[in-house]
Protein backbone atom coordinates (compact mmCIF):
# COMPACT_ATOMS: atom_id res chain seq x y z
CA MET A 1 326.68 168.83 278.35
CA ILE A 2 323.93 167.75 275.82
CA PRO A 3 325.30 168.14 272.27
CA ALA A 4 323.62 170.94 270.19
CA GLY A 5 322.26 168.41 267.67
CA ARG A 6 320.67 166.21 270.41
CA ARG A 7 319.08 169.48 271.98
CA THR A 8 317.71 170.32 268.71
CA ARG A 9 316.20 167.02 268.15
CA ARG A 10 314.84 166.78 271.69
CA ALA A 11 313.14 170.37 271.39
CA ARG A 12 311.64 169.48 268.07
CA ARG A 13 310.03 166.40 269.46
CA LEU A 14 308.67 168.38 272.62
CA GLY A 15 307.04 170.97 270.28
CA GLN A 16 305.52 168.10 268.14
CA VAL A 17 303.92 166.39 271.59
CA LEU A 18 302.58 169.83 272.72
CA ALA A 19 301.17 170.68 269.19
CA LEU A 20 299.43 167.22 269.01
CA GLY A 21 298.18 167.69 272.58
CA LEU A 22 296.83 170.94 271.59
CA ALA A 23 295.28 169.49 268.46
CA PHE A 24 293.62 167.04 270.26
CA ALA A 25 292.33 169.54 273.27
CA LEU A 26 290.99 171.79 270.32
CA MET A 27 289.06 168.77 268.58
CA GLY A 28 287.63 167.85 272.03
CA ALA A 29 286.46 171.46 272.24
CA GLY A 30 284.94 171.41 268.72
CA LEU A 31 287.41 174.11 267.59
CA ILE A 32 289.22 172.33 265.03
CA TRP A 33 288.56 169.52 262.52
CA GLY A 34 290.24 168.06 259.36
CA GLY A 35 292.96 171.05 259.66
CA ARG A 36 290.27 173.62 259.73
CA VAL A 37 289.28 176.02 262.82
CA TRP A 38 285.73 176.12 263.90
CA ALA A 39 283.89 177.78 266.68
CA ARG A 40 282.20 175.83 269.28
CA SER A 41 278.48 174.97 268.59
CA PRO A 42 276.33 177.09 270.59
CA VAL A 43 273.90 175.46 273.05
CA THR A 44 270.48 175.67 272.21
CA VAL A 45 267.69 176.31 274.92
CA GLN A 46 264.43 175.02 274.01
CA VAL A 47 261.29 177.09 275.17
CA LEU A 48 257.67 176.28 274.98
CA MET A 49 255.37 179.13 274.88
CA PRO A 50 251.61 179.67 273.91
CA ALA A 51 251.12 181.27 270.53
CA PRO A 52 250.53 184.73 271.59
CA PHE A 53 253.82 184.87 273.61
CA ALA A 54 255.98 183.34 271.11
CA ASP A 55 254.93 186.12 268.73
CA ALA A 56 255.45 188.77 271.17
CA THR A 57 258.93 187.71 272.21
CA ALA A 58 260.16 187.04 268.76
CA GLU A 59 262.15 190.07 268.46
CA LEU A 60 263.61 189.45 271.75
CA VAL A 61 264.63 186.15 270.78
CA SER A 62 266.29 187.21 267.63
CA ALA A 63 268.16 190.20 269.44
CA PHE A 64 269.32 187.56 272.14
CA ASN A 65 270.48 185.08 269.30
CA ARG A 66 272.56 187.82 267.54
CA GLU A 67 274.05 189.02 270.72
CA HIS A 68 275.12 185.53 272.11
CA ARG A 69 277.56 183.11 270.38
CA ASP A 70 277.49 180.57 272.98
CA VAL A 71 273.83 180.14 273.71
CA ARG A 72 270.76 180.36 271.39
CA ILE A 73 267.19 179.98 271.97
CA ALA A 74 264.69 178.06 269.92
CA VAL A 75 260.87 178.93 270.70
CA THR A 76 258.30 176.24 270.16
CA ARG A 77 255.16 178.11 269.11
CA GLY A 78 252.44 176.31 271.24
CA PRO A 79 248.73 176.39 270.90
CA PHE A 80 246.43 179.38 271.42
CA GLU A 81 244.61 177.94 274.30
CA THR A 82 246.08 177.84 277.68
CA GLU A 83 245.28 174.26 278.98
CA SER A 84 246.23 172.95 275.37
CA VAL A 85 249.84 174.24 276.10
CA SER A 86 249.94 172.45 279.21
CA ASP A 87 248.34 169.41 277.68
CA LEU A 88 251.54 169.56 275.35
CA ALA A 89 253.95 170.05 278.06
CA ILE A 90 252.73 167.32 280.47
CA SER A 91 252.57 164.83 277.35
CA SER A 92 256.37 165.33 276.67
CA LEU A 93 257.09 165.05 280.58
CA LEU A 94 255.16 161.84 280.85
CA LEU A 95 257.23 160.23 278.10
CA GLY A 96 260.24 160.99 280.17
CA ASP A 97 262.36 162.69 277.56
CA SER A 98 261.06 166.30 277.06
CA PRO A 99 262.84 168.21 274.42
CA TYR A 100 262.21 171.52 276.54
CA ASP A 101 264.52 173.47 278.74
CA LEU A 102 262.13 176.19 279.67
CA LEU A 103 258.34 176.36 280.03
CA LEU A 104 256.24 179.48 280.02
CA MET A 105 253.73 178.88 282.75
CA ASP A 106 250.23 180.32 284.06
CA VAL A 107 250.45 180.94 287.50
CA THR A 108 248.03 178.10 288.43
CA TRP A 109 250.42 175.36 287.23
CA THR A 110 253.20 175.71 289.35
CA ALA A 111 252.00 173.91 292.18
CA LYS A 112 251.03 170.92 289.94
CA TYR A 113 254.39 170.80 288.21
CA ALA A 114 256.44 171.50 291.25
CA ALA A 115 254.75 168.34 293.20
CA ALA A 116 255.28 166.17 290.16
CA GLY A 117 259.09 166.90 290.29
CA TRP A 118 259.02 168.44 286.70
CA LEU A 119 260.68 171.99 287.85
CA LEU A 120 264.05 172.79 288.96
CA PRO A 121 264.39 175.13 292.04
CA LEU A 122 265.66 178.28 291.26
CA ASP A 123 266.92 179.57 294.52
CA ASP A 124 270.46 178.46 294.45
CA ARG A 125 270.86 179.93 290.90
CA LEU A 126 268.92 183.31 291.35
CA GLY A 127 269.48 183.86 295.00
CA PRO A 128 267.28 184.50 297.82
CA ASP A 129 266.26 188.03 296.50
CA ALA A 130 265.15 187.06 292.93
CA LEU A 131 261.65 188.39 293.43
CA ALA A 132 262.59 191.71 295.30
CA PRO A 133 262.51 193.72 292.20
CA LEU A 134 258.86 192.63 291.60
CA ALA A 135 255.76 194.61 292.26
CA PRO A 136 254.04 193.00 295.35
CA GLY A 137 251.00 191.32 293.66
CA ALA A 138 253.50 189.81 291.04
CA ARG A 139 255.73 188.03 293.70
CA GLU A 140 252.81 185.89 294.76
CA GLY A 141 252.47 182.39 293.26
CA ASN A 142 256.07 181.66 292.45
CA ARG A 143 257.35 180.22 295.54
CA ILE A 144 255.71 177.17 296.94
CA ASP A 145 256.75 175.36 300.21
CA GLY A 146 259.58 177.77 300.68
CA GLN A 147 261.24 177.10 297.25
CA LEU A 148 261.31 179.23 294.07
CA TRP A 149 259.87 177.59 291.04
CA ARG A 150 259.06 180.43 288.66
CA LEU A 151 260.15 183.93 287.52
CA PRO A 152 257.20 186.03 286.25
CA LEU A 153 257.38 187.71 282.72
CA VAL A 154 254.37 189.56 282.36
CA ALA A 155 251.39 190.29 285.00
CA ASP A 156 247.92 189.90 284.23
CA MET A 157 244.68 190.74 286.49
CA GLY A 158 241.00 191.07 286.01
CA LEU A 159 239.83 194.40 285.52
CA LEU A 160 236.60 196.48 285.35
CA TYR A 161 236.12 198.86 282.38
CA TRP A 162 233.48 201.47 282.41
CA ARG A 163 232.12 203.99 280.14
CA THR A 164 233.32 207.43 280.85
CA ASP A 165 230.92 208.98 278.53
CA LEU A 166 228.12 207.71 280.65
CA MET A 167 229.01 208.28 284.13
CA ASP A 168 231.61 210.59 286.22
CA ALA A 169 232.84 207.79 288.19
CA PRO A 170 232.78 203.82 288.30
CA PRO A 171 230.81 201.94 290.79
CA ARG A 172 232.43 200.64 293.90
CA THR A 173 230.06 198.33 294.99
CA PRO A 174 227.89 195.28 293.60
CA ALA A 175 224.68 197.43 294.34
CA GLU A 176 226.24 200.39 292.54
CA LEU A 177 226.96 198.74 289.37
CA VAL A 178 223.48 197.06 289.28
CA ALA A 179 221.55 200.62 289.96
CA THR A 180 223.84 202.28 287.60
CA SER A 181 223.34 199.64 284.82
CA GLN A 182 219.69 199.76 285.11
CA GLU A 183 219.34 203.38 285.25
CA LEU A 184 221.50 203.63 281.95
CA GLN A 185 219.29 200.75 280.55
CA ARG A 186 215.98 202.67 281.30
CA GLN A 187 217.40 205.88 279.61
CA GLY A 188 217.98 203.78 276.66
CA GLN A 189 221.78 204.74 276.56
CA VAL A 190 222.93 200.82 276.63
CA ARG A 191 221.17 197.79 275.73
CA TRP A 192 223.04 195.86 278.65
CA GLY A 193 224.60 197.07 281.75
CA TYR A 194 227.43 194.54 282.32
CA VAL A 195 229.13 191.84 280.25
CA TRP A 196 231.59 189.26 281.60
CA GLN A 197 232.95 185.77 281.25
CA GLY A 198 229.96 183.14 282.10
CA ARG A 199 231.06 180.10 279.85
CA GLN A 200 231.88 177.02 281.48
CA TYR A 201 235.71 177.47 281.51
CA GLU A 202 238.66 179.02 283.51
CA GLY A 203 237.35 182.49 282.88
CA LEU A 204 234.42 181.75 284.94
CA SER A 205 236.37 180.76 287.71
CA CYS A 206 238.30 183.86 287.61
CA VAL A 207 235.21 185.93 287.52
CA PHE A 208 233.70 183.93 290.36
CA LEU A 209 237.06 184.37 292.44
CA GLU A 210 236.61 188.29 292.29
CA VAL A 211 232.99 188.45 293.10
CA LEU A 212 233.65 185.93 295.89
CA HIS A 213 236.52 188.11 297.38
CA GLY A 214 234.28 191.18 297.03
CA PHE A 215 231.41 189.45 299.38
CA GLY A 216 234.12 188.74 301.83
CA GLY A 217 234.87 185.23 301.08
CA ALA A 218 237.97 183.13 300.02
CA TRP A 219 238.54 180.25 297.83
CA GLY A 220 241.06 177.94 299.30
CA PRO A 221 242.04 175.94 302.21
CA VAL A 222 240.46 178.36 304.93
CA GLY A 223 237.24 176.65 306.03
CA PRO A 224 234.65 174.24 305.17
CA GLY A 225 234.36 172.97 301.59
CA PHE A 226 237.62 174.70 300.68
CA GLY A 227 235.84 178.03 301.22
CA LEU A 228 232.98 177.45 298.86
CA ASP A 229 230.30 175.81 301.28
CA THR A 230 229.66 179.35 302.92
CA ALA A 231 227.34 182.07 302.90
CA ALA A 232 229.79 184.13 301.08
CA ALA A 233 230.06 181.89 298.08
CA SER A 234 226.11 181.43 298.05
CA GLU A 235 225.86 185.19 297.80
CA ALA A 236 228.55 185.82 295.29
CA ALA A 237 227.06 183.01 292.93
CA ALA A 238 223.34 184.45 293.59
CA TRP A 239 224.61 187.97 292.73
CA LEU A 240 225.91 186.50 289.27
CA ARG A 241 222.68 184.80 288.56
CA GLY A 242 220.74 187.97 289.65
CA LEU A 243 222.67 189.94 286.77
CA VAL A 244 220.76 187.58 284.29
CA ASP A 245 217.24 187.68 286.05
CA SER A 246 217.24 191.36 286.38
CA GLY A 247 218.46 191.97 282.44
CA VAL A 248 221.81 193.77 283.61
CA SER A 249 223.46 190.88 281.83
CA PRO A 250 222.27 189.04 278.78
CA PRO A 251 221.14 185.52 278.89
CA ALA A 252 223.90 184.64 276.36
CA VAL A 253 226.64 185.77 278.99
CA ALA A 254 226.49 182.06 279.75
CA ASN A 255 228.10 181.45 276.60
CA PHE A 256 230.56 184.40 276.75
CA ALA A 257 234.19 184.01 277.12
CA GLU A 258 236.70 187.16 276.85
CA PRO A 259 236.34 187.56 273.15
CA GLU A 260 232.36 187.67 273.11
CA ALA A 261 232.37 190.11 276.17
CA LEU A 262 234.95 192.40 274.63
CA GLN A 263 233.03 192.56 271.39
CA SER A 264 229.59 193.44 273.07
CA PHE A 265 231.10 196.25 275.04
CA GLU A 266 233.23 197.53 271.78
CA ALA A 267 230.12 197.71 269.92
CA GLY A 268 228.79 200.25 272.52
CA GLU A 269 226.11 197.61 273.65
CA ALA A 270 227.01 197.74 277.57
CA ALA A 271 228.32 199.91 280.08
CA PHE A 272 230.54 197.71 282.08
CA LEU A 273 233.02 195.06 280.91
CA ARG A 274 235.04 192.51 283.13
CA ASN A 275 238.08 191.70 281.24
CA TRP A 276 242.10 191.53 281.32
CA PRO A 277 244.54 194.28 280.46
CA TYR A 278 244.77 193.50 276.69
CA ALA A 279 241.30 194.53 276.18
CA TRP A 280 242.33 198.04 276.68
CA GLN A 281 244.42 198.27 273.32
CA GLU A 282 241.53 196.38 271.43
CA LEU A 283 239.06 198.93 272.75
CA GLN A 284 240.92 201.85 271.35
CA GLY A 285 241.31 200.35 267.99
CA PRO A 286 239.74 202.22 264.77
CA GLY A 287 236.68 199.77 264.65
CA SER A 288 235.71 200.40 268.45
CA ARG A 289 232.67 202.58 268.96
CA VAL A 290 233.81 203.32 272.44
CA ALA A 291 237.53 204.44 271.66
CA GLY A 292 238.61 207.31 274.05
CA ARG A 293 235.67 206.72 276.20
CA VAL A 294 236.71 204.02 278.48
CA GLY A 295 237.92 204.03 282.02
CA VAL A 296 239.58 201.10 284.17
CA THR A 297 239.59 200.33 287.67
CA THR A 298 239.45 197.16 289.79
CA MET A 299 236.33 195.06 290.66
CA VAL A 300 233.39 195.95 292.78
CA ALA A 301 233.18 194.71 296.29
CA GLN A 302 230.48 195.09 299.39
CA PRO A 303 231.08 197.94 301.72
CA GLY A 304 233.95 197.26 303.73
CA GLU A 305 235.33 194.16 301.63
CA PRO A 306 238.59 194.60 299.60
CA HIS A 307 238.49 195.11 295.78
CA GLY A 308 240.06 191.97 294.37
CA ALA A 309 241.30 191.26 290.80
CA THR A 310 242.22 187.51 289.81
CA GLN A 311 246.16 187.26 289.46
CA GLY A 312 246.92 185.52 285.98
CA SER A 313 250.41 186.31 285.38
CA TRP A 314 252.75 184.24 283.21
CA GLY A 315 256.36 183.25 284.09
CA LEU A 316 259.24 181.12 282.99
CA SER A 317 260.14 177.92 284.90
CA VAL A 318 263.09 175.48 284.02
CA LEU A 319 262.18 171.96 283.58
CA ALA A 320 264.10 169.54 285.89
CA GLY A 321 265.21 167.33 282.87
CA SER A 322 266.76 170.19 280.99
CA ARG A 323 270.13 169.20 279.50
CA HIS A 324 271.21 172.72 279.86
CA PRO A 325 270.09 174.08 283.03
CA ALA A 326 272.74 176.73 283.51
CA GLU A 327 271.84 178.08 280.07
CA ALA A 328 268.21 177.94 280.57
CA VAL A 329 268.60 180.10 283.68
CA GLN A 330 270.57 182.62 281.40
CA VAL A 331 267.92 182.78 278.97
CA LEU A 332 265.11 182.92 281.75
CA GLN A 333 267.00 186.19 283.34
CA ALA A 334 267.22 187.52 279.74
CA LEU A 335 263.55 187.25 278.93
CA THR A 336 262.18 188.29 282.29
CA GLY A 337 264.57 191.35 282.63
CA GLU A 338 263.99 194.95 282.48
CA ALA A 339 264.79 195.48 278.66
CA SER A 340 262.56 192.62 277.45
CA GLN A 341 259.77 193.59 279.74
CA ARG A 342 260.01 197.18 278.47
CA GLN A 343 259.76 196.19 275.00
CA LEU A 344 256.51 193.87 275.72
CA VAL A 345 254.98 196.78 277.54
CA GLU A 346 255.72 199.40 274.70
CA ARG A 347 255.00 197.24 271.68
CA TRP A 348 252.45 194.91 272.77
CA GLY A 349 250.93 196.47 275.79
CA TYR A 350 251.48 193.73 278.44
CA THR A 351 251.63 194.44 281.80
CA PRO A 352 255.30 194.36 283.66
CA THR A 353 255.99 192.75 286.91
CA LEU A 354 259.01 194.92 288.12
CA THR A 355 258.40 197.81 290.05
CA ALA A 356 261.00 200.06 288.45
CA LEU A 357 259.02 199.87 285.20
CA PHE A 358 255.73 201.15 286.89
CA ASP A 359 257.75 203.83 288.50
CA ASP A 360 259.23 205.11 285.13
CA PRO A 361 257.92 208.73 284.16
CA GLU A 362 258.54 208.08 280.40
CA LEU A 363 257.01 204.62 280.20
CA VAL A 364 253.93 205.68 282.27
CA GLU A 365 253.61 208.94 279.69
CA ARG A 366 253.49 206.33 276.78
CA ARG A 367 251.12 203.87 278.58
CA PRO A 368 248.99 205.88 280.97
CA LEU A 369 247.16 202.85 282.05
CA LEU A 370 250.10 201.56 284.00
CA PRO A 371 249.12 203.47 287.36
CA VAL A 372 245.81 201.60 287.33
CA LEU A 373 247.34 198.19 286.57
CA ARG A 374 249.70 198.66 289.54
CA ALA A 375 246.92 199.29 291.88
CA ALA A 376 245.05 196.39 290.51
CA LEU A 377 248.01 194.19 290.80
CA GLU A 378 248.49 195.25 294.27
CA GLU A 379 245.01 194.06 295.00
CA ALA A 380 245.41 190.88 293.12
CA VAL A 381 244.01 187.60 294.55
CA LEU A 382 245.33 184.15 293.70
CA ARG A 383 243.42 181.06 292.88
CA PRO A 384 244.04 178.17 295.06
CA ILE A 385 247.67 177.02 294.97
CA ASN A 386 246.98 173.51 294.77
CA PRO A 387 248.48 170.65 292.54
CA GLY A 388 244.73 169.58 291.88
CA TYR A 389 243.58 173.38 291.10
CA ALA A 390 242.53 172.10 287.59
CA GLN A 391 240.20 169.58 289.05
CA LEU A 392 239.02 172.27 291.65
CA SER A 393 238.52 174.65 289.00
CA ASP A 394 236.26 172.21 287.25
CA ILE A 395 234.02 171.56 290.07
CA VAL A 396 233.37 175.27 290.57
CA GLN A 397 232.74 175.71 286.85
CA ARG A 398 230.08 173.02 286.54
CA GLN A 399 228.15 174.35 289.62
CA LEU A 400 228.28 178.20 288.70
CA SER A 401 227.32 177.11 285.06
CA GLY A 402 223.90 175.54 286.73
CA VAL A 403 223.48 178.74 288.71
CA ILE A 404 223.91 181.23 285.68
CA THR A 405 221.55 179.07 283.43
CA GLY A 406 218.96 178.98 286.33
CA ASP A 407 219.09 175.09 286.61
CA THR A 408 220.57 174.97 290.25
CA PRO A 409 219.82 177.45 293.26
CA PRO A 410 223.23 179.15 294.44
CA GLU A 411 223.12 177.51 297.85
CA ARG A 412 222.55 174.04 296.82
CA ALA A 413 225.38 174.78 293.93
CA MET A 414 228.06 176.07 296.41
CA ALA A 415 227.12 173.17 298.97
CA ARG A 416 227.82 170.63 295.82
CA ALA A 417 231.05 172.42 295.05
CA GLY A 418 232.27 172.50 298.60
CA ARG A 419 231.43 168.82 299.15
CA SER A 420 233.04 167.59 295.81
CA SER A 421 236.25 169.87 296.52
CA ARG A 422 236.72 168.28 300.05
CA GLN A 423 236.15 164.79 298.54
CA LEU A 424 238.80 165.60 295.95
CA LEU A 425 241.28 166.71 298.35
CA GLU A 426 240.56 163.80 300.76
CA ALA A 427 241.09 161.39 297.86
CA SER A 428 244.47 162.96 296.95
CA GLY A 429 245.65 162.70 300.72
CA GLN A 430 245.18 166.26 301.39
CA ARG A 431 243.59 167.57 304.67
CA GLN A 432 241.95 170.78 305.52
CA PRO A 433 243.35 173.05 308.12
CA GLU A 434 242.47 171.98 311.49
CA ASP A 435 239.93 169.53 309.92
CA LEU A 436 237.52 172.19 309.87
CA SER A 437 235.27 170.16 307.30
CA GLU A 438 234.56 167.56 309.70
CA LYS A 439 233.17 170.17 312.34
CA GLN A 440 230.46 171.02 309.78
CA PRO A 441 227.12 169.17 309.44
CA GLU A 442 227.04 166.81 306.51
CA LYS A 443 224.17 167.58 304.07
CA GLN A 444 222.19 164.42 302.76
CA GLU A 445 222.01 165.51 299.29
CA VAL A 446 224.28 163.71 296.84
CA ALA A 447 226.27 165.80 294.23
CA PRO A 448 225.76 164.43 290.70
């Protein structure tokens, strides 16, 4: 039997050892230091966003940070220009020590970033049904080679705006758009029929994709010259040039981006406008001469062809070098969730990606454009899903710019675009399906 005094000393020593062990454990967890108890420092998830999205999500980020003690969001407000944001992200990735955990990406970036190994696959973290809640058009462009790399935050698609005070219904074919424009111009109702984005930049590629789709063509690995050296592509380019030649579109459209086209239509100068969903709110503002007199629909197409709308969604991806991938996924889910998307729709006029929001009667009542946006999203057309998309787009822009200004005949321009695209793909080790390009007779003209 152990004497009582010895038992007391042994219990005291055991208690001291346990207390010391607990103290070291708490110090390791960041909960105690210098005799004072502290909460563990939260993990900070760094997110890079273009400036407009950083502004629109500021309240969402603040709310998340108030509600979570263990995870915080820090947003880097990137440039306004889309490609400038991509350049900033790529610069940090090439240095090998990017500070960012999450990147808000345009849909056209996904293939390039995934091929470079810069993104973390999301299937294991989000499950096989991560895209199931999305509207069909919003599901496209997020999964490449069977793996999920991106979850959409907002949708975007090309739309045709038309003057409801000048016509009872919008045109549904290219010929109808031209005929209606010319009649309204003849009557002196408008100066121009149709304004769109003709400047040599990504907006021109989006316009061309919609027109090409409406003429029965496709831009991608579907035939000779990546779908560009075709009759449909030449007809689409010729139609765009014809808008200028006929006076339906102003010659200055060759320098129009979204703001210039919107300004012309907002001033009451034109009957039709090609733009994105954001333009709706702008056209209803106090300075707009067409407020309350604007309808929205999808783009025109030849009889029997589908009405396409360029899909331009923005979504979040986790960078492969993230130090906090689990927390980054948590933030991704919060920002793309239903509550966040609802706020972006209600307060900022963005287009949601979740089917539940398109079906919400109260939200539709507050945002009556949602059914039109849903229809357009269901007809959305993707630009080529290819790591070299930026270069492919630059080829198309350069050739189309020559067509619009009258410097290059449409057929010659599209032959050049197709040949240059094929050469680019071959140089990068890519081959077209069934080697279709090699079955076509090679033209002798050398592209500049």
